[in-house]
Amino acid sequence: MRKYFGTDGIRGEANRELSASLAMKLGYALGYYLKKNNPEKKKIKVVMGSDTRISGYMLRSALTAGLNSMGINIDFVGVIPTPGVAYITQAKEAEAGIMISASHNPAKDNGIKIFGKDGCKLPDDVEEELEGYMDSVEEILKDPIAGDQLGKFKYAQDDYFLYRDHLKSIVKGDFAGMKIILDAANGSAYRAAKDVFLSLGAEIVVINDAPNGKNINVKCGSTHPEILSKVVVGYEADLGLAYDGDADRLIAVDKNGNIVDGDKIIATLAVEMKNKNLLNGNRVVTTVMSNMGLESYLNENGIILVRANVGDRYVLEKMKLQGLNLGGEQSGHIIMLDYGTTGDGIQTSLKLVETLRDSGKSLNEIVEKIKDWPQVLINVRAKDNSAKNSWSTNKKIENVILEKEKEMASQGRVLVRTSGTEPIVRVMVEGRDEEMVKRIANEIADVVKEELA
């Protein structure tokens, strides 16, 4: 287990788990790592951006102090979506990119994501190396550089236009005649989404685009699209698009106010890409949590579903391994490798609207054909984390899972997995027959509870 980094950078409540001192240590560690891997001894530049959280100022200052003290220059590109930092890092040939954001989390939280020069998130082994340096700061600072060799901090907010123009460039034609509601979640999308859709000729209404440092993700955005649903219906719009705090996710709303999750957005994009011969291998990557109804729909359209573990980094790994160009999660974190290196909510929304325009169909007409199979999820609380982690070696649990998988055969599936943060074992069963799904889920959950509670 890593000490500081999770599945998506370092994250925690700002000023508590994610303190200024921890951020400064990360600045020292990253600076040391970049210098160590700089045999040409050239001046090193890092791109840095943030979302709209009030704690971003504190963390930016702390990271800057650590990096500048190691001789690293920083181009601060301001409030921008996370994929914007990834794109600008590549475009400006910087050695790394840093995004200060806790994505869809509450305003009191914050996080730090780091990208390599290729615009991709750092691999696990590099994050582990950084953790080692963070825990030995005194050692890496024992020979400080001279005062006239320190790094500089520069405001480079005009670099935002590099990202904006990139987004505009991925759309062929325009969106004239389309009425769209945008929910910016009072976060990073508040400027970029509006700018791009307006420039493409769409008629738009933007909601939750007045960030004040504390209202990011508060009853809005991709985690709370309920208000967006009402606005779409009230304005008789073609669809609504909801982003999260750092705009790397997208959840859509059809014209009837129905919420459309990431899996259904992926399916919509996949079928259109296949029809245009743009879908590599006629395969897409989603996670083990994706409904079998999605898999059935894709199969009917000649597309194979490849499943990865939960987490966008695992989706990306599988995509790269198989040379695929579309993948993502139910949460709306969707990766389109033809246009970027990481999930990008605005990019995804542009390609979704382009798909609807080119297909001549409304979103509800497309997604109504994707029929979710009945699914039951039961969370069983184990007595502690040790008990939770023993489920996979428990013979009684193993036997009941094997027995129920045989019973379901091709009519469904069983998925048992653990929570990454709590002593909980999650039992998920889905299939064509709802009563059968409920019965089997409860039978497995009863054995898990009996053995681990």
Protein backbone atom coordinates (compact mmCIF):
# COMPACT_ATOMS: atom_id res chain seq x y z
CA MET A 1 0.00 0.00 0.00
CA ARG A 2 1.28 3.46 -0.91
CA LYS A 3 1.42 6.02 1.86
CA TYR A 4 0.29 9.23 0.14
CA PHE A 5 -0.86 8.46 -3.39
CA GLY A 6 -4.21 6.84 -4.08
CA THR A 7 -5.74 5.76 -7.37
CA ASP A 8 -5.89 9.38 -8.57
CA GLY A 9 -3.05 11.35 -6.99
CA ILE A 10 -2.93 12.60 -3.42
CA ARG A 11 -6.29 13.55 -1.96
CA GLY A 12 -7.76 14.51 1.41
CA GLU A 13 -9.35 17.29 3.39
CA ALA A 14 -7.37 20.47 2.73
CA ASN A 15 -5.31 21.77 5.67
CA ARG A 16 -5.74 18.45 7.47
CA GLU A 17 -4.81 15.29 5.57
CA LEU A 18 -3.63 17.42 2.66
CA SER A 19 -1.67 20.11 4.48
CA ALA A 20 0.59 22.85 3.17
CA SER A 21 3.60 21.02 4.62
CA LEU A 22 2.69 17.81 2.77
CA ALA A 23 2.27 19.75 -0.48
CA MET A 24 5.67 21.38 0.04
CA LYS A 25 7.25 17.97 0.61
CA LEU A 26 5.72 16.81 -2.67
CA GLY A 27 7.17 19.90 -4.36
CA TYR A 28 10.63 19.04 -3.01
CA ALA A 29 10.24 15.39 -4.02
CA LEU A 30 9.00 16.09 -7.54
CA GLY A 31 11.71 18.71 -8.07
CA TYR A 32 14.38 16.27 -6.94
CA TYR A 33 13.00 13.52 -9.16
CA LEU A 34 12.87 15.78 -12.24
CA LYS A 35 16.44 17.00 -11.67
CA LYS A 36 17.67 13.46 -11.15
CA ASN A 37 16.15 12.46 -14.49
CA ASN A 38 17.59 15.46 -16.34
CA PRO A 39 20.99 14.30 -17.65
CA GLU A 40 21.27 17.30 -20.00
CA LYS A 41 21.02 19.67 -17.00
CA LYS A 42 18.56 21.88 -18.89
CA LYS A 43 16.21 24.25 -17.07
CA ILE A 44 13.09 22.32 -16.09
CA LYS A 45 9.56 23.66 -16.55
CA VAL A 46 6.36 22.38 -14.94
CA VAL A 47 2.79 23.35 -15.92
CA MET A 48 0.41 23.90 -13.01
CA GLY A 49 -3.36 24.49 -12.92
CA SER A 50 -6.18 24.30 -10.41
CA ASP A 51 -9.93 24.11 -10.02
CA THR A 52 -11.95 26.73 -8.11
CA ARG A 53 -11.54 25.54 -4.51
CA ILE A 54 -10.46 28.13 -1.96
CA SER A 55 -7.71 25.79 -0.74
CA GLY A 56 -6.10 25.83 -4.17
CA TYR A 57 -4.27 29.06 -3.33
CA MET A 58 -2.64 27.51 -0.26
CA LEU A 59 -1.59 24.32 -2.05
CA ARG A 60 -0.32 26.24 -5.08
CA SER A 61 1.91 28.35 -2.81
CA ALA A 62 3.26 25.31 -0.98
CA LEU A 63 3.99 23.35 -4.14
CA THR A 64 5.61 26.42 -5.68
CA ALA A 65 7.89 26.89 -2.68
CA GLY A 66 9.06 23.28 -2.87
CA LEU A 67 9.57 23.21 -6.63
CA ASN A 68 11.19 26.65 -6.92
CA SER A 69 13.62 25.78 -4.13
CA MET A 70 14.78 22.86 -6.27
CA GLY A 71 15.35 25.14 -9.27
CA ILE A 72 12.14 24.19 -11.13
CA ASN A 73 10.25 26.83 -13.14
CA ILE A 74 6.44 26.86 -12.98
CA ASP A 75 3.98 28.08 -15.61
CA PHE A 76 0.69 28.57 -13.77
CA VAL A 77 -2.16 28.33 -16.29
CA GLY A 78 -4.92 29.28 -13.84
CA VAL A 79 -8.33 27.66 -13.38
CA ILE A 80 -8.63 25.02 -16.06
CA PRO A 81 -9.95 21.45 -16.47
CA THR A 82 -7.57 18.66 -15.47
CA PRO A 83 -7.24 17.45 -19.10
CA GLY A 84 -6.24 21.01 -20.00
CA VAL A 85 -3.15 20.68 -17.82
CA ALA A 86 -2.35 17.32 -19.44
CA TYR A 87 -2.72 18.81 -22.93
CA ILE A 88 -0.68 21.97 -22.24
CA THR A 89 2.08 19.90 -20.60
CA GLN A 90 2.52 18.06 -23.90
CA ALA A 91 2.01 21.11 -26.11
CA LYS A 92 4.65 23.17 -24.28
CA GLU A 93 7.03 20.22 -23.88
CA ALA A 94 7.13 20.65 -20.12
CA GLU A 95 8.68 17.96 -17.95
CA ALA A 96 5.55 17.50 -15.83
CA GLY A 97 2.05 18.83 -15.20
CA ILE A 98 0.35 19.38 -11.85
CA MET A 99 -3.39 19.76 -11.30
CA ILE A 100 -4.69 20.92 -7.92
CA SER A 101 -8.18 19.46 -7.63
CA ALA A 102 -10.28 16.92 -5.77
CA SER A 103 -12.47 16.33 -8.83
CA HIS A 104 -16.06 15.49 -7.76
CA ASN A 105 -15.32 15.61 -4.01
CA PRO A 106 -16.79 18.24 -1.64
CA ALA A 107 -15.26 21.74 -1.51
CA LYS A 108 -13.40 21.09 1.75
CA ASP A 109 -11.32 18.41 0.05
CA ASN A 110 -8.53 18.93 -2.42
CA GLY A 111 -6.00 16.87 -4.29
CA ILE A 112 -2.83 16.93 -6.37
CA LYS A 113 -2.55 15.01 -9.64
CA ILE A 114 0.74 14.78 -11.52
CA PHE A 115 1.23 14.12 -15.22
CA GLY A 116 4.43 13.13 -16.99
CA LYS A 117 5.77 14.89 -20.07
CA ASP A 118 3.57 12.61 -22.21
CA GLY A 119 0.42 14.03 -20.59
CA CYS A 120 -0.35 10.73 -18.82
CA LYS A 121 -0.66 10.18 -15.09
CA LEU A 122 2.52 8.95 -13.43
CA PRO A 123 2.95 5.18 -13.18
CA ASP A 124 2.74 3.50 -9.77
CA ASP A 125 6.49 2.96 -9.47
CA VAL A 126 7.23 6.68 -9.97
CA GLU A 127 4.63 7.66 -7.36
CA GLU A 128 6.25 5.19 -4.96
CA GLU A 129 9.65 6.75 -5.68
CA LEU A 130 8.23 10.21 -4.93
CA GLU A 131 6.84 8.95 -1.64
CA GLY A 132 10.31 7.79 -0.68
CA TYR A 133 11.71 11.27 -1.33
CA MET A 134 8.84 12.87 0.61
CA ASP A 135 9.80 10.79 3.63
CA SER A 136 13.49 11.75 3.32
CA VAL A 137 13.24 15.48 2.65
CA GLU A 138 16.17 16.27 4.94
CA GLU A 139 18.38 14.00 2.85
CA ILE A 140 17.41 15.48 -0.54
CA LEU A 141 17.76 19.04 0.83
CA LYS A 142 21.15 18.58 2.45
CA ASP A 143 22.90 20.36 -0.43
CA PRO A 144 20.55 23.26 -1.41
CA ILE A 145 21.11 25.12 -4.64
CA ALA A 146 22.40 28.69 -4.67
CA GLY A 147 19.94 31.52 -4.22
CA ASP A 148 20.46 32.84 -7.73
CA GLN A 149 19.63 29.43 -9.21
CA LEU A 150 16.10 29.15 -7.82
CA GLY A 151 13.15 28.47 -10.07
CA LYS A 152 10.59 31.07 -11.15
CA PHE A 153 6.81 31.19 -10.88
CA LYS A 154 5.10 32.69 -13.93
CA TYR A 155 1.44 33.40 -14.64
CA ALA A 156 0.76 31.78 -18.02
CA GLN A 157 -3.03 31.98 -18.12
CA ASP A 158 -3.09 32.70 -21.85
CA ASP A 159 -2.03 29.07 -22.33
CA TYR A 160 -5.71 28.31 -21.67
CA PHE A 161 -6.32 29.24 -25.32
CA LEU A 162 -4.10 26.36 -26.46
CA TYR A 163 -6.50 23.97 -24.77
CA ARG A 164 -9.63 25.82 -25.93
CA ASP A 165 -8.48 25.80 -29.54
CA HIS A 166 -7.61 22.12 -29.30
CA LEU A 167 -11.17 21.35 -28.17
CA LYS A 168 -12.64 23.36 -31.03
CA SER A 169 -10.41 21.55 -33.52
CA ILE A 170 -11.81 18.08 -32.77
CA VAL A 171 -15.28 18.97 -34.08
CA LYS A 172 -16.11 18.94 -37.78
CA GLY A 173 -18.67 21.59 -38.69
CA ASP A 174 -20.72 23.42 -36.09
CA PHE A 175 -23.68 23.00 -33.73
CA ALA A 176 -25.94 25.68 -35.17
CA GLY A 177 -29.60 25.05 -34.36
CA MET A 178 -28.91 22.95 -31.25
CA LYS A 179 -30.09 24.09 -27.83
CA ILE A 180 -27.88 22.80 -24.99
CA ILE A 181 -27.81 23.35 -21.21
CA LEU A 182 -24.37 23.24 -19.56
CA ASP A 183 -23.87 22.58 -15.84
CA ALA A 184 -20.35 23.72 -14.92
CA ALA A 185 -20.53 22.49 -11.28
CA ASN A 186 -19.06 25.86 -10.19
CA GLY A 187 -15.74 24.33 -11.16
CA SER A 188 -13.12 24.20 -13.88
CA ALA A 189 -15.59 24.00 -16.78
CA TYR A 190 -17.23 27.36 -16.03
CA ARG A 191 -15.24 29.13 -18.77
CA ALA A 192 -14.00 26.50 -21.20
CA ALA A 193 -17.29 24.70 -21.88
CA LYS A 194 -19.15 27.95 -22.53
CA ASP A 195 -16.42 29.32 -24.79
CA VAL A 196 -16.21 26.22 -26.97
CA PHE A 197 -19.93 25.59 -27.42
CA LEU A 198 -20.59 29.26 -28.18
CA SER A 199 -17.80 29.32 -30.76
CA LEU A 200 -19.41 26.30 -32.45
CA GLY A 201 -22.72 28.11 -32.84
CA ALA A 202 -24.83 26.27 -30.28
CA GLU A 203 -27.59 28.04 -28.38
CA ILE A 204 -26.58 27.48 -24.76
CA VAL A 205 -27.72 28.18 -21.23
CA VAL A 206 -25.05 27.78 -18.55
CA ILE A 207 -25.93 27.01 -14.93
CA ASN A 208 -23.70 26.74 -11.85
CA ASP A 209 -20.99 28.88 -13.43
CA ALA A 210 -20.35 31.33 -10.56
CA PRO A 211 -17.60 29.70 -8.47
CA ASN A 212 -16.79 31.30 -5.11
CA GLY A 213 -14.26 28.80 -3.78
CA LYS A 214 -16.80 26.95 -1.65
CA ASN A 215 -19.69 26.01 -3.95
CA ILE A 216 -17.89 23.58 -6.26
CA ASN A 217 -19.96 20.37 -6.71
CA VAL A 218 -22.59 21.58 -4.21
CA LYS A 219 -25.90 20.10 -5.40
CA CYS A 220 -24.79 20.49 -9.00
CA GLY A 221 -22.65 19.01 -11.73
CA SER A 222 -22.21 15.36 -12.66
CA THR A 223 -22.78 14.08 -9.12
CA HIS A 224 -26.08 16.00 -8.75
CA PRO A 225 -27.69 16.41 -12.20
CA GLU A 226 -31.24 16.70 -10.83
CA ILE A 227 -31.48 20.47 -11.29
CA LEU A 228 -30.03 20.18 -14.78
CA SER A 229 -32.80 17.70 -15.64
CA LYS A 230 -35.46 20.27 -14.70
CA VAL A 231 -33.72 23.06 -16.61
CA VAL A 232 -33.43 20.93 -19.77
CA VAL A 233 -37.16 20.16 -19.71
CA GLY A 234 -38.09 23.75 -18.79
CA TYR A 235 -36.09 25.23 -21.66
CA GLU A 236 -37.12 22.46 -24.08
CA ALA A 237 -33.44 21.89 -24.83
CA ASP A 238 -32.02 19.09 -26.96
CA LEU A 239 -29.91 17.83 -24.06
CA GLY A 240 -27.98 18.81 -20.93
CA LEU A 241 -24.30 18.27 -20.15
CA ALA A 242 -23.01 18.11 -16.56
CA TYR A 243 -19.33 18.21 -15.61
CA ASP A 244 -17.64 17.57 -12.29
CA GLY A 245 -15.36 19.95 -10.38
CA ASP A 246 -12.30 19.52 -12.60
CA ALA A 247 -14.29 18.73 -15.77
CA ASP A 248 -12.76 15.33 -16.44
CA ARG A 249 -16.19 13.65 -16.22
CA LEU A 250 -19.46 14.00 -18.08
CA ILE A 251 -23.01 12.97 -17.26
CA ALA A 252 -25.71 13.82 -19.80
CA VAL A 253 -29.44 14.49 -19.60
CA ASP A 254 -31.79 13.77 -22.52
CA LYS A 255 -34.55 16.13 -23.62
CA ASN A 256 -37.06 14.37 -21.36
CA GLY A 257 -34.89 14.98 -18.29
CA ASN A 258 -33.60 11.40 -18.01
CA ILE A 259 -30.06 11.05 -16.67
CA VAL A 260 -27.63 9.26 -19.01
CA ASP A 261 -24.54 7.79 -17.31
CA GLY A 262 -21.04 7.24 -18.63
CA ASP A 263 -21.68 3.70 -19.85
CA LYS A 264 -24.54 4.81 -22.08
CA ILE A 265 -22.49 7.75 -23.37
CA ILE A 266 -19.68 5.32 -24.25
CA ALA A 267 -22.17 3.08 -26.07
CA THR A 268 -23.54 6.03 -28.05
CA LEU A 269 -20.05 7.11 -29.08
CA ALA A 270 -18.91 3.55 -29.81
CA VAL A 271 -21.70 2.75 -32.26
CA GLU A 272 -21.22 6.02 -34.18
CA MET A 273 -17.43 5.52 -34.25
CA LYS A 274 -17.89 1.97 -35.57
CA ASN A 275 -20.26 3.23 -38.27
CA LYS A 276 -17.56 5.69 -39.34
CA ASN A 277 -14.80 3.04 -39.16
CA LEU A 278 -13.12 4.98 -36.34
CA LEU A 279 -13.41 2.42 -33.51
CA ASN A 280 -10.15 0.52 -33.11
CA GLY A 281 -10.72 -3.22 -33.15
CA ASN A 282 -14.47 -2.64 -32.75
CA ARG A 283 -13.84 -2.88 -29.01
CA VAL A 284 -14.39 -0.58 -26.05
CA VAL A 285 -13.12 -0.79 -22.48
CA THR A 286 -15.37 -0.29 -19.45
CA THR A 287 -15.10 -1.64 -15.91
CA VAL A 288 -16.36 -4.71 -14.11
CA MET A 289 -19.25 -2.56 -12.83
CA SER A 290 -20.76 -1.96 -16.27
CA ASN A 291 -24.19 -3.49 -16.70
CA MET A 292 -24.61 -6.59 -18.86
CA GLY A 293 -27.37 -4.77 -20.70
CA LEU A 294 -24.66 -2.49 -22.08
CA GLU A 295 -22.60 -5.50 -23.13
CA SER A 296 -25.63 -7.04 -24.85
CA TYR A 297 -26.37 -3.77 -26.72
CA LEU A 298 -22.77 -3.44 -27.89
CA ASN A 299 -22.68 -7.07 -29.04
CA GLU A 300 -25.85 -6.51 -31.08
CA ASN A 301 -23.99 -3.69 -32.82
CA GLY A 302 -20.88 -5.77 -33.52
CA ILE A 303 -18.79 -4.29 -30.70
CA ILE A 304 -16.93 -6.30 -28.06
CA LEU A 305 -16.87 -5.06 -24.46
CA VAL A 306 -13.55 -5.42 -22.64
CA ARG A 307 -13.72 -5.10 -18.85
CA ALA A 308 -11.07 -3.57 -16.59
CA ASN A 309 -10.85 -3.08 -12.83
CA VAL A 310 -12.57 -0.01 -11.40
CA GLY A 311 -10.44 3.11 -11.89
CA ASP A 312 -9.58 5.14 -14.97
CA ARG A 313 -5.91 4.18 -14.79
CA TYR A 314 -6.86 0.52 -15.22
CA VAL A 315 -9.17 1.37 -18.11
CA LEU A 316 -6.32 3.26 -19.77
CA GLU A 317 -3.89 0.38 -19.19
CA LYS A 318 -6.25 -2.04 -20.93
CA MET A 319 -6.83 0.41 -23.81
CA LYS A 320 -3.11 0.83 -24.42
CA LEU A 321 -2.43 -2.89 -24.12
CA GLN A 322 -5.00 -3.71 -26.80
CA GLY A 323 -4.51 -0.61 -28.96
CA LEU A 324 -8.04 0.68 -28.36
CA ASN A 325 -9.21 4.28 -28.54
CA LEU A 326 -12.41 4.44 -26.46
CA GLY A 327 -13.02 3.49 -22.85
CA GLY A 328 -14.30 4.76 -19.54
CA GLU A 329 -16.50 4.34 -16.50
CA GLN A 330 -20.14 4.71 -15.45
CA SER A 331 -19.11 7.84 -13.53
CA GLY A 332 -18.57 9.63 -16.84
CA HIS A 333 -14.78 9.51 -16.85
CA ILE A 334 -14.36 8.73 -20.56
CA ILE A 335 -11.07 8.45 -22.43
CA MET A 336 -10.83 9.08 -26.18
CA LEU A 337 -7.19 8.50 -27.04
CA ASP A 338 -7.52 9.99 -30.53
CA TYR A 339 -7.92 13.41 -28.89
CA GLY A 340 -6.29 13.31 -25.47
CA THR A 341 -4.39 11.28 -22.91
CA THR A 342 -6.89 11.34 -20.06
CA GLY A 343 -10.61 11.60 -19.36
CA ASP A 344 -12.04 14.91 -20.57
CA GLY A 345 -15.66 15.87 -19.90
CA ILE A 346 -15.77 18.77 -22.35
CA GLN A 347 -14.08 16.77 -25.10
CA THR A 348 -16.52 13.90 -24.54
CA SER A 349 -19.50 16.25 -24.60
CA LEU A 350 -18.36 17.76 -27.91
CA LYS A 351 -18.07 14.33 -29.53
CA LEU A 352 -21.43 13.30 -28.04
CA VAL A 353 -23.20 16.34 -29.51
CA GLU A 354 -21.40 15.78 -32.82
CA THR A 355 -22.65 12.17 -32.78
CA LEU A 356 -26.25 13.27 -32.20
CA ARG A 357 -26.00 15.86 -34.96
CA ASP A 358 -24.54 13.39 -37.48
CA SER A 359 -26.91 10.53 -36.57
CA GLY A 360 -29.98 12.74 -36.79
CA LYS A 361 -31.27 11.11 -33.59
CA SER A 362 -31.95 12.55 -30.15
CA LEU A 363 -30.11 11.15 -27.14
CA ASN A 364 -33.26 9.56 -25.72
CA GLU A 365 -33.92 7.74 -29.03
CA ILE A 366 -30.47 6.17 -28.84
CA VAL A 367 -30.23 5.25 -25.16
CA GLU A 368 -33.77 3.84 -24.92
CA LYS A 369 -32.43 0.87 -26.87
CA ILE A 370 -29.89 0.12 -24.12
CA LYS A 371 -31.85 -1.96 -21.64
CA ASP A 372 -30.15 -2.38 -18.26
CA TRP A 373 -30.44 -5.83 -16.77
CA PRO A 374 -31.75 -6.01 -13.18
CA GLN A 375 -28.90 -5.54 -10.72
CA VAL A 376 -28.65 -5.93 -6.96
CA LEU A 377 -25.73 -4.64 -4.88
CA ILE A 378 -25.44 -5.65 -1.21
CA ASN A 379 -22.73 -4.20 1.03
CA VAL A 380 -21.71 -6.60 3.78
CA ARG A 381 -19.75 -5.05 6.63
CA ALA A 382 -16.90 -7.27 7.86
CA LYS A 383 -15.72 -7.10 11.45
CA ASP A 384 -12.45 -5.45 10.33
CA ASN A 385 -10.19 -4.96 7.30
CA SER A 386 -8.37 -8.22 7.97
CA ALA A 387 -11.64 -10.13 7.76
CA LYS A 388 -12.63 -8.16 4.65
CA ASN A 389 -9.42 -9.11 2.86
CA SER A 390 -9.81 -12.80 3.69
CA TRP A 391 -12.99 -13.26 1.66
CA SER A 392 -11.18 -14.50 -1.46
CA THR A 393 -9.50 -17.37 0.44
CA ASN A 394 -12.59 -18.40 2.40
CA LYS A 395 -13.76 -21.79 1.07
CA LYS A 396 -17.42 -21.37 2.01
CA ILE A 397 -17.61 -18.03 0.22
CA GLU A 398 -15.70 -19.40 -2.76
CA ASN A 399 -18.02 -22.41 -3.02
CA VAL A 400 -21.26 -20.43 -2.84
CA ILE A 401 -20.00 -18.03 -5.53
CA LEU A 402 -19.06 -20.94 -7.82
CA GLU A 403 -22.41 -22.61 -7.17
CA LYS A 404 -24.41 -19.46 -7.96
CA GLU A 405 -22.35 -18.67 -11.06
CA LYS A 406 -23.23 -22.11 -12.43
CA GLU A 407 -26.88 -21.55 -11.57
CA MET A 408 -26.94 -18.29 -13.50
CA ALA A 409 -24.90 -19.63 -16.42
CA SER A 410 -25.41 -17.27 -19.37
CA GLN A 411 -28.34 -15.53 -17.70
CA GLY A 412 -26.20 -13.16 -15.64
CA ARG A 413 -23.10 -12.76 -13.52
CA VAL A 414 -21.80 -12.51 -9.97
CA LEU A 415 -19.21 -9.97 -8.89
CA VAL A 416 -17.77 -9.89 -5.37
CA ARG A 417 -15.24 -7.19 -4.52
CA THR A 418 -14.07 -5.19 -1.53
CA SER A 419 -14.25 -1.49 -0.72
CA GLY A 420 -10.90 0.26 -0.95
CA THR A 421 -11.60 2.45 2.09
CA GLU A 422 -13.96 0.56 4.42
CA PRO A 423 -14.26 -2.98 5.88
CA ILE A 424 -16.99 -3.81 3.38
CA VAL A 425 -17.44 -6.66 0.91
CA ARG A 426 -19.66 -5.74 -2.03
CA VAL A 427 -21.84 -8.48 -3.52
CA MET A 428 -23.23 -7.58 -6.93
CA VAL A 429 -25.47 -9.84 -8.98
CA GLU A 430 -27.16 -8.98 -12.25
CA GLY A 431 -29.14 -10.96 -14.76
CA ARG A 432 -32.19 -11.13 -16.97
CA ASP A 433 -34.56 -12.35 -14.22
CA GLU A 434 -35.05 -9.85 -11.39
CA GLU A 435 -36.36 -12.33 -8.83
CA MET A 436 -33.48 -14.70 -9.50
CA VAL A 437 -30.99 -11.84 -9.14
CA LYS A 438 -32.42 -10.78 -5.78
CA ARG A 439 -32.45 -14.35 -4.43
CA ILE A 440 -28.90 -15.18 -5.48
CA ALA A 441 -27.51 -11.87 -4.19
CA ASN A 442 -29.05 -12.44 -0.78
CA GLU A 443 -27.88 -16.05 -0.62
CA ILE A 444 -24.27 -15.04 -1.30
CA ALA A 445 -24.45 -12.04 1.06
CA ASP A 446 -25.77 -14.26 3.86
CA VAL A 447 -22.73 -16.57 3.59
CA VAL A 448 -20.32 -13.60 3.45
CA LYS A 449 -21.94 -12.10 6.55
CA GLU A 450 -21.87 -15.42 8.37
CA GLU A 451 -18.16 -15.91 7.64
CA LEU A 452 -16.78 -12.37 8.03
CA ALA A 453 -19.03 -10.27 10.28
